[in-house]
N, C-alpha and C. Protein backbone atom coordinates (compact mmCIF):
# COMPACT_ATOMS: atom_id res chain seq x y z
N MET A 1 91.72 123.15 126.10
CA MET A 1 91.08 123.77 127.22
C MET A 1 91.86 123.42 128.48
N ILE A 2 91.89 124.36 129.37
CA ILE A 2 92.54 124.16 130.67
C ILE A 2 91.47 124.34 131.74
N ALA A 3 91.36 123.37 132.62
CA ALA A 3 90.37 123.45 133.69
C ALA A 3 90.64 124.66 134.56
N GLN A 4 89.58 125.33 134.93
CA GLN A 4 89.68 126.52 135.77
C GLN A 4 89.41 126.22 137.24
N SER A 5 89.05 124.95 137.54
CA SER A 5 88.78 124.56 138.93
C SER A 5 88.95 123.04 139.03
N LEU A 6 89.01 122.54 140.24
CA LEU A 6 89.09 121.09 140.44
C LEU A 6 87.80 120.42 139.96
N ASP A 7 86.65 121.09 140.18
CA ASP A 7 85.39 120.53 139.72
C ASP A 7 85.37 120.43 138.19
N GLN A 8 85.85 121.45 137.52
CA GLN A 8 85.89 121.42 136.06
C GLN A 8 86.86 120.35 135.57
N ALA A 9 87.97 120.19 136.24
CA ALA A 9 88.93 119.13 135.88
C ALA A 9 88.28 117.76 136.02
N ARG A 10 87.52 117.56 137.10
CA ARG A 10 86.82 116.29 137.30
C ARG A 10 85.81 116.06 136.18
N ARG A 11 85.07 117.10 135.80
CA ARG A 11 84.09 116.97 134.72
C ARG A 11 84.77 116.66 133.38
N PHE A 12 85.94 117.25 133.13
CA PHE A 12 86.70 116.92 131.91
C PHE A 12 87.01 115.42 131.88
N TRP A 13 87.49 114.90 133.01
CA TRP A 13 87.83 113.48 133.08
C TRP A 13 86.59 112.61 132.93
N ASP A 14 85.45 113.06 133.46
CA ASP A 14 84.21 112.30 133.28
C ASP A 14 83.87 112.17 131.80
N ILE A 15 84.02 113.26 131.06
CA ILE A 15 83.75 113.22 129.62
C ILE A 15 84.71 112.24 128.94
N ARG A 16 85.97 112.31 129.28
CA ARG A 16 86.97 111.44 128.67
C ARG A 16 86.68 109.97 128.99
N GLU A 17 86.34 109.68 130.24
CA GLU A 17 86.10 108.30 130.64
C GLU A 17 84.80 107.74 130.06
N ASP A 18 83.87 108.58 129.69
CA ASP A 18 82.61 108.14 129.09
C ASP A 18 82.70 108.02 127.58
N SER A 19 83.89 108.10 127.01
CA SER A 19 84.02 108.12 125.56
C SER A 19 83.62 106.81 124.90
N GLY A 20 83.50 105.73 125.62
CA GLY A 20 83.11 104.46 125.03
C GLY A 20 81.63 104.15 125.17
N PHE A 21 80.82 105.18 125.35
CA PHE A 21 79.39 105.01 125.57
C PHE A 21 78.69 104.25 124.46
N TYR A 22 79.24 104.26 123.26
CA TYR A 22 78.58 103.68 122.10
C TYR A 22 78.83 102.18 121.95
N TYR A 23 79.79 101.63 122.67
CA TYR A 23 80.12 100.21 122.48
C TYR A 23 78.94 99.26 122.70
N PRO A 24 78.09 99.47 123.72
CA PRO A 24 76.95 98.55 123.87
C PRO A 24 76.00 98.58 122.66
N ALA A 25 75.90 99.71 121.98
CA ALA A 25 75.00 99.83 120.84
C ALA A 25 75.55 99.15 119.59
N ILE A 26 76.87 99.01 119.51
CA ILE A 26 77.49 98.39 118.32
C ILE A 26 78.52 97.35 118.78
N PRO A 27 78.05 96.25 119.37
CA PRO A 27 78.97 95.26 119.92
C PRO A 27 79.89 94.67 118.84
N HIS A 28 81.11 94.44 119.25
CA HIS A 28 82.13 93.81 118.39
C HIS A 28 82.42 94.58 117.12
N ALA A 29 82.10 95.87 117.12
CA ALA A 29 82.40 96.69 115.94
C ALA A 29 83.91 96.82 115.78
N PRO A 30 84.40 96.80 114.56
CA PRO A 30 85.83 97.00 114.35
C PRO A 30 86.24 98.39 114.83
N SER A 31 87.32 98.44 115.58
CA SER A 31 87.82 99.74 116.04
C SER A 31 89.31 99.83 115.79
N PHE A 32 89.78 101.06 115.66
CA PHE A 32 91.16 101.31 115.24
C PHE A 32 91.73 102.46 116.06
N ASP A 33 93.03 102.48 116.15
CA ASP A 33 93.78 103.50 116.88
C ASP A 33 94.90 103.94 115.96
N ILE A 34 94.73 105.09 115.32
CA ILE A 34 95.71 105.53 114.32
C ILE A 34 96.26 106.90 114.70
N SER A 35 97.27 107.32 113.98
CA SER A 35 97.74 108.70 114.15
C SER A 35 98.05 109.28 112.78
N VAL A 36 97.75 110.55 112.67
CA VAL A 36 98.10 111.34 111.48
C VAL A 36 98.53 112.71 111.98
N PRO A 37 99.38 113.41 111.25
CA PRO A 37 99.75 114.76 111.67
C PRO A 37 98.49 115.62 111.84
N PRO A 38 98.43 116.44 112.88
CA PRO A 38 97.23 117.26 113.12
C PRO A 38 96.77 118.08 111.91
N THR A 39 97.70 118.54 111.08
CA THR A 39 97.30 119.33 109.92
C THR A 39 96.59 118.48 108.86
N TYR A 40 96.66 117.17 108.98
CA TYR A 40 96.08 116.24 108.01
C TYR A 40 94.74 115.67 108.49
N LEU A 41 94.34 115.98 109.73
CA LEU A 41 93.15 115.36 110.31
C LEU A 41 91.89 115.54 109.47
N ASP A 42 91.58 116.76 109.09
CA ASP A 42 90.35 117.00 108.33
C ASP A 42 90.34 116.23 107.01
N ALA A 43 91.43 116.30 106.29
CA ALA A 43 91.52 115.60 105.00
C ALA A 43 91.43 114.09 105.20
N TYR A 44 92.07 113.58 106.25
CA TYR A 44 92.04 112.14 106.52
C TYR A 44 90.60 111.68 106.80
N VAL A 45 89.91 112.38 107.70
CA VAL A 45 88.56 111.97 108.07
C VAL A 45 87.61 112.07 106.86
N ALA A 46 87.73 113.10 106.06
CA ALA A 46 86.90 113.22 104.85
C ALA A 46 87.19 112.08 103.89
N GLY A 47 88.46 111.77 103.70
CA GLY A 47 88.83 110.66 102.83
C GLY A 47 88.37 109.32 103.38
N LEU A 48 88.47 109.15 104.69
CA LEU A 48 88.00 107.91 105.32
C LEU A 48 86.52 107.70 105.05
N ASP A 49 85.74 108.75 105.21
CA ASP A 49 84.30 108.65 104.97
C ASP A 49 84.03 108.19 103.54
N ALA A 50 84.71 108.77 102.59
CA ALA A 50 84.53 108.38 101.18
C ALA A 50 84.97 106.93 100.95
N ARG A 51 86.10 106.55 101.53
CA ARG A 51 86.59 105.17 101.34
C ARG A 51 85.64 104.15 101.95
N LEU A 52 85.07 104.45 103.13
CA LEU A 52 84.13 103.53 103.75
C LEU A 52 82.85 103.42 102.93
N LYS A 53 82.36 104.54 102.44
CA LYS A 53 81.13 104.54 101.62
C LYS A 53 81.34 103.77 100.32
N ALA A 54 82.57 103.73 99.81
CA ALA A 54 82.85 102.96 98.61
C ALA A 54 82.72 101.46 98.87
N ILE A 55 82.96 101.03 100.10
CA ILE A 55 82.80 99.62 100.47
C ILE A 55 81.32 99.30 100.65
N ASP A 56 80.64 100.18 101.40
CA ASP A 56 79.23 99.99 101.69
C ASP A 56 78.65 101.37 101.98
N PRO A 57 77.66 101.82 101.23
CA PRO A 57 77.13 103.17 101.41
C PRO A 57 76.58 103.45 102.82
N THR A 58 76.33 102.39 103.58
CA THR A 58 75.81 102.60 104.94
C THR A 58 76.92 102.74 105.98
N PHE A 59 78.16 102.49 105.61
CA PHE A 59 79.26 102.53 106.58
C PHE A 59 79.57 103.96 107.00
N GLU A 60 79.74 104.12 108.30
CA GLU A 60 80.20 105.37 108.89
C GLU A 60 81.11 105.01 110.05
N ALA A 61 81.94 105.95 110.43
CA ALA A 61 82.83 105.73 111.57
C ALA A 61 82.59 106.78 112.64
N TYR A 62 82.64 106.33 113.87
CA TYR A 62 82.64 107.24 115.01
C TYR A 62 84.11 107.58 115.24
N VAL A 63 84.46 108.86 115.15
CA VAL A 63 85.85 109.29 115.22
C VAL A 63 86.02 110.26 116.38
N TYR A 64 86.96 109.96 117.26
CA TYR A 64 87.32 110.89 118.33
C TYR A 64 88.77 110.64 118.69
N GLY A 65 89.34 111.48 119.50
CA GLY A 65 90.72 111.22 119.88
C GLY A 65 91.41 112.39 120.50
N HIS A 66 92.72 112.36 120.39
CA HIS A 66 93.62 113.36 120.95
C HIS A 66 94.03 114.27 119.79
N VAL A 67 93.16 115.17 119.45
CA VAL A 67 93.32 115.95 118.23
C VAL A 67 94.64 116.71 118.20
N ALA A 68 95.08 117.22 119.33
CA ALA A 68 96.31 118.03 119.36
C ALA A 68 97.54 117.24 118.92
N ASP A 69 97.56 115.94 119.18
CA ASP A 69 98.73 115.16 118.77
C ASP A 69 98.44 114.21 117.62
N GLY A 70 97.22 114.27 117.07
CA GLY A 70 96.91 113.49 115.87
C GLY A 70 96.49 112.06 116.11
N ASN A 71 96.30 111.64 117.36
CA ASN A 71 95.82 110.28 117.62
C ASN A 71 94.31 110.25 117.45
N LEU A 72 93.82 109.31 116.67
CA LEU A 72 92.39 109.16 116.46
C LEU A 72 91.96 107.75 116.81
N HIS A 73 90.81 107.67 117.43
CA HIS A 73 90.15 106.39 117.68
C HIS A 73 88.98 106.34 116.71
N LEU A 74 88.88 105.25 115.97
CA LEU A 74 87.84 105.10 114.96
C LEU A 74 87.08 103.81 115.24
N THR A 75 85.78 103.88 115.23
CA THR A 75 84.96 102.69 115.37
C THR A 75 83.94 102.68 114.26
N LEU A 76 83.87 101.57 113.55
CA LEU A 76 82.88 101.42 112.49
C LEU A 76 81.51 101.31 113.15
N ILE A 77 80.56 102.08 112.69
CA ILE A 77 79.23 102.07 113.28
C ILE A 77 78.44 100.93 112.62
N LYS A 78 78.87 99.72 112.94
CA LYS A 78 78.22 98.51 112.46
C LYS A 78 78.64 97.38 113.40
N PRO A 79 77.67 96.68 113.97
CA PRO A 79 78.04 95.57 114.85
C PRO A 79 78.89 94.55 114.11
N GLY A 80 79.80 93.96 114.81
CA GLY A 80 80.67 92.95 114.24
C GLY A 80 80.34 91.60 114.86
N PRO A 81 81.20 90.67 114.65
CA PRO A 81 82.37 90.77 113.78
C PRO A 81 81.98 90.75 112.30
N LEU A 82 82.81 91.40 111.52
CA LEU A 82 82.59 91.44 110.07
C LEU A 82 83.18 90.19 109.43
N PRO A 83 82.65 89.79 108.28
CA PRO A 83 83.31 88.73 107.52
C PRO A 83 84.75 89.17 107.19
N GLN A 84 85.66 88.22 107.11
CA GLN A 84 87.08 88.53 106.95
C GLN A 84 87.37 89.43 105.75
N ASP A 85 86.75 89.17 104.60
CA ASP A 85 87.02 89.98 103.42
C ASP A 85 86.53 91.42 103.62
N GLU A 86 85.41 91.59 104.27
CA GLU A 86 84.89 92.93 104.53
C GLU A 86 85.76 93.65 105.56
N LEU A 87 86.23 92.93 106.57
CA LEU A 87 87.12 93.52 107.57
C LEU A 87 88.42 94.00 106.93
N LEU A 88 88.99 93.21 106.04
CA LEU A 88 90.21 93.63 105.35
C LEU A 88 89.97 94.87 104.50
N ALA A 89 88.83 94.95 103.85
CA ALA A 89 88.50 96.14 103.06
C ALA A 89 88.38 97.37 103.96
N VAL A 90 87.76 97.21 105.13
CA VAL A 90 87.64 98.32 106.08
C VAL A 90 89.02 98.71 106.60
N GLU A 91 89.85 97.72 106.96
CA GLU A 91 91.21 98.03 107.42
C GLU A 91 91.97 98.82 106.37
N ASN A 92 91.90 98.39 105.13
CA ASN A 92 92.61 99.10 104.07
C ASN A 92 92.07 100.52 103.90
N ALA A 93 90.76 100.70 104.07
CA ALA A 93 90.17 102.05 103.99
C ALA A 93 90.66 102.92 105.13
N VAL A 94 90.76 102.34 106.32
CA VAL A 94 91.22 103.09 107.49
C VAL A 94 92.70 103.46 107.34
N TYR A 95 93.51 102.52 106.88
CA TYR A 95 94.95 102.73 106.85
C TYR A 95 95.46 103.44 105.60
N ALA A 96 94.61 103.60 104.60
CA ALA A 96 95.02 104.25 103.35
C ALA A 96 95.52 105.67 103.62
N GLY A 97 96.71 105.97 103.13
CA GLY A 97 97.25 107.32 103.20
C GLY A 97 97.93 107.69 104.51
N ILE A 98 97.84 106.85 105.51
CA ILE A 98 98.40 107.21 106.82
C ILE A 98 99.93 107.29 106.76
N VAL A 99 100.55 106.27 106.23
CA VAL A 99 102.02 106.24 106.18
C VAL A 99 102.55 107.40 105.34
N GLU A 100 101.93 107.64 104.18
CA GLU A 100 102.37 108.72 103.30
C GLU A 100 102.24 110.08 103.97
N ALA A 101 101.29 110.21 104.89
CA ALA A 101 101.09 111.48 105.59
C ALA A 101 102.01 111.63 106.79
N GLY A 102 102.79 110.59 107.09
CA GLY A 102 103.68 110.65 108.25
C GLY A 102 103.03 110.15 109.53
N GLY A 103 101.95 109.36 109.39
CA GLY A 103 101.26 108.84 110.56
C GLY A 103 101.57 107.37 110.78
N SER A 104 100.72 106.73 111.59
CA SER A 104 100.94 105.33 111.92
C SER A 104 99.60 104.60 112.03
N PHE A 105 99.60 103.33 111.65
CA PHE A 105 98.41 102.49 111.76
C PHE A 105 98.13 102.12 113.20
N SER A 106 99.07 102.40 114.10
CA SER A 106 98.91 102.06 115.51
C SER A 106 99.48 103.19 116.34
N ALA A 107 98.60 103.96 116.97
CA ALA A 107 99.05 105.14 117.71
C ALA A 107 99.51 104.78 119.11
N GLU A 108 98.60 104.55 120.01
CA GLU A 108 99.00 104.38 121.40
C GLU A 108 98.76 103.00 121.97
N HIS A 109 98.10 102.13 121.23
CA HIS A 109 97.76 100.83 121.79
C HIS A 109 98.61 99.68 121.26
N GLY A 110 99.58 99.96 120.45
CA GLY A 110 100.49 98.93 120.00
C GLY A 110 99.94 98.05 118.90
N VAL A 111 100.68 96.97 118.61
CA VAL A 111 100.34 96.08 117.51
C VAL A 111 99.51 94.90 118.00
N GLY A 112 100.03 94.15 118.95
CA GLY A 112 99.31 92.99 119.46
C GLY A 112 98.99 91.99 118.38
N THR A 113 97.90 91.27 118.55
CA THR A 113 97.51 90.25 117.57
C THR A 113 96.52 90.80 116.55
N GLU A 114 95.70 91.77 116.94
CA GLU A 114 94.68 92.29 116.03
C GLU A 114 95.26 93.09 114.87
N LYS A 115 96.43 93.69 115.07
CA LYS A 115 96.98 94.56 114.02
C LYS A 115 98.15 93.91 113.28
N ARG A 116 98.24 92.60 113.37
CA ARG A 116 99.34 91.91 112.70
C ARG A 116 99.31 92.17 111.19
N HIS A 117 98.16 92.02 110.57
CA HIS A 117 98.05 92.27 109.12
C HIS A 117 98.48 93.70 108.80
N ALA A 118 98.01 94.65 109.59
CA ALA A 118 98.36 96.06 109.34
C ALA A 118 99.86 96.27 109.50
N TYR A 119 100.43 95.68 110.52
CA TYR A 119 101.88 95.82 110.74
C TYR A 119 102.65 95.26 109.54
N GLU A 120 102.31 94.07 109.14
CA GLU A 120 103.03 93.43 108.05
C GLU A 120 102.80 94.13 106.71
N THR A 121 101.65 94.79 106.56
CA THR A 121 101.31 95.46 105.31
C THR A 121 101.78 96.91 105.27
N PHE A 122 101.64 97.63 106.37
CA PHE A 122 101.85 99.07 106.35
C PHE A 122 103.13 99.56 107.02
N ALA A 123 103.74 98.76 107.89
CA ALA A 123 105.03 99.18 108.47
C ALA A 123 106.12 98.88 107.45
N SER A 124 107.02 99.81 107.26
CA SER A 124 108.07 99.62 106.26
C SER A 124 108.96 98.43 106.62
N PRO A 125 109.57 97.80 105.63
CA PRO A 125 110.48 96.70 105.91
C PRO A 125 111.62 97.13 106.84
N GLU A 126 112.07 98.38 106.70
CA GLU A 126 113.15 98.88 107.57
C GLU A 126 112.68 98.96 109.03
N LYS A 127 111.47 99.44 109.22
CA LYS A 127 110.91 99.52 110.57
C LYS A 127 110.74 98.13 111.17
N GLN A 128 110.27 97.19 110.37
CA GLN A 128 110.10 95.82 110.86
C GLN A 128 111.44 95.19 111.21
N ALA A 129 112.45 95.42 110.40
CA ALA A 129 113.79 94.88 110.68
C ALA A 129 114.35 95.49 111.96
N LEU A 130 114.18 96.80 112.12
CA LEU A 130 114.66 97.46 113.34
C LEU A 130 113.94 96.90 114.57
N ALA A 131 112.63 96.68 114.47
CA ALA A 131 111.87 96.13 115.59
C ALA A 131 112.38 94.74 115.96
N ARG A 132 112.68 93.91 114.97
CA ARG A 132 113.22 92.57 115.25
C ARG A 132 114.58 92.66 115.92
N THR A 133 115.40 93.60 115.47
CA THR A 133 116.73 93.78 116.08
C THR A 133 116.62 94.20 117.53
N ILE A 134 115.75 95.16 117.81
CA ILE A 134 115.57 95.62 119.19
C ILE A 134 114.99 94.50 120.05
N LYS A 135 114.00 93.80 119.54
CA LYS A 135 113.39 92.69 120.28
C LYS A 135 114.44 91.64 120.61
N GLN A 136 115.28 91.30 119.67
CA GLN A 136 116.33 90.31 119.91
C GLN A 136 117.31 90.79 120.96
N ALA A 137 117.63 92.08 120.94
CA ALA A 137 118.60 92.64 121.89
C ALA A 137 118.06 92.66 123.32
N VAL A 138 116.79 93.00 123.50
CA VAL A 138 116.24 93.11 124.86
C VAL A 138 115.55 91.84 125.33
N ASP A 139 115.23 90.94 124.41
CA ASP A 139 114.50 89.73 124.78
C ASP A 139 114.99 88.55 123.94
N PRO A 140 116.26 88.17 124.08
CA PRO A 140 116.82 87.13 123.21
C PRO A 140 116.13 85.77 123.34
N LYS A 141 115.48 85.51 124.46
CA LYS A 141 114.79 84.23 124.64
C LYS A 141 113.30 84.32 124.32
N ALA A 142 112.85 85.48 123.83
CA ALA A 142 111.45 85.71 123.44
C ALA A 142 110.48 85.39 124.59
N LEU A 143 110.81 85.89 125.77
CA LEU A 143 109.97 85.67 126.94
C LEU A 143 108.89 86.73 127.12
N PHE A 144 109.12 87.92 126.60
CA PHE A 144 108.19 89.04 126.81
C PHE A 144 107.07 88.99 125.78
N ASN A 145 105.84 88.86 126.25
CA ASN A 145 104.67 88.93 125.39
C ASN A 145 104.78 88.00 124.18
N PRO A 146 105.07 86.72 124.39
CA PRO A 146 105.27 85.82 123.24
C PRO A 146 104.02 85.72 122.37
N GLY A 147 104.24 85.81 121.09
CA GLY A 147 103.17 85.67 120.11
C GLY A 147 102.26 86.87 119.96
N LYS A 148 102.53 87.96 120.69
CA LYS A 148 101.64 89.13 120.64
C LYS A 148 102.02 90.11 119.55
N VAL A 149 103.23 90.13 119.15
CA VAL A 149 103.66 91.02 118.07
C VAL A 149 104.45 90.19 117.06
N PRO A 150 104.39 90.58 115.81
CA PRO A 150 105.00 89.74 114.77
C PRO A 150 106.49 89.94 114.58
N PHE A 151 107.25 89.96 115.65
CA PHE A 151 108.69 90.00 115.48
C PHE A 151 109.40 89.23 116.50
């Protein structure tokens, strides 16, 4: 959609900025930022629903995002934090099939500390080696964001 007026543009931004309205209702819920090719979105979301239900029939995800470029924000509709084994099962359900579809376990928010397991599990060894090489080239003394990414 393209705004037809400044007022409509402002209202579009209001909708976008209110996208986290559900966080108070589900505090500390696991959330994810992934990407999949736009043509794969429907199949991915349907598969995600099935994979989450296989862990716990009550699990559902709130899914929204930048549909045109395939970035999705997913939040488990269950207050957290989850026990570690359950969180790993949810992560695996969320990340299943993403790499094979040409997507990424981390779309726009990076790796940081929360996605270390996903990075080490789902990023290819070649991608990890390239990241270490680039990091060494631009930050040989490891001064930038120390300990935030696993390379």
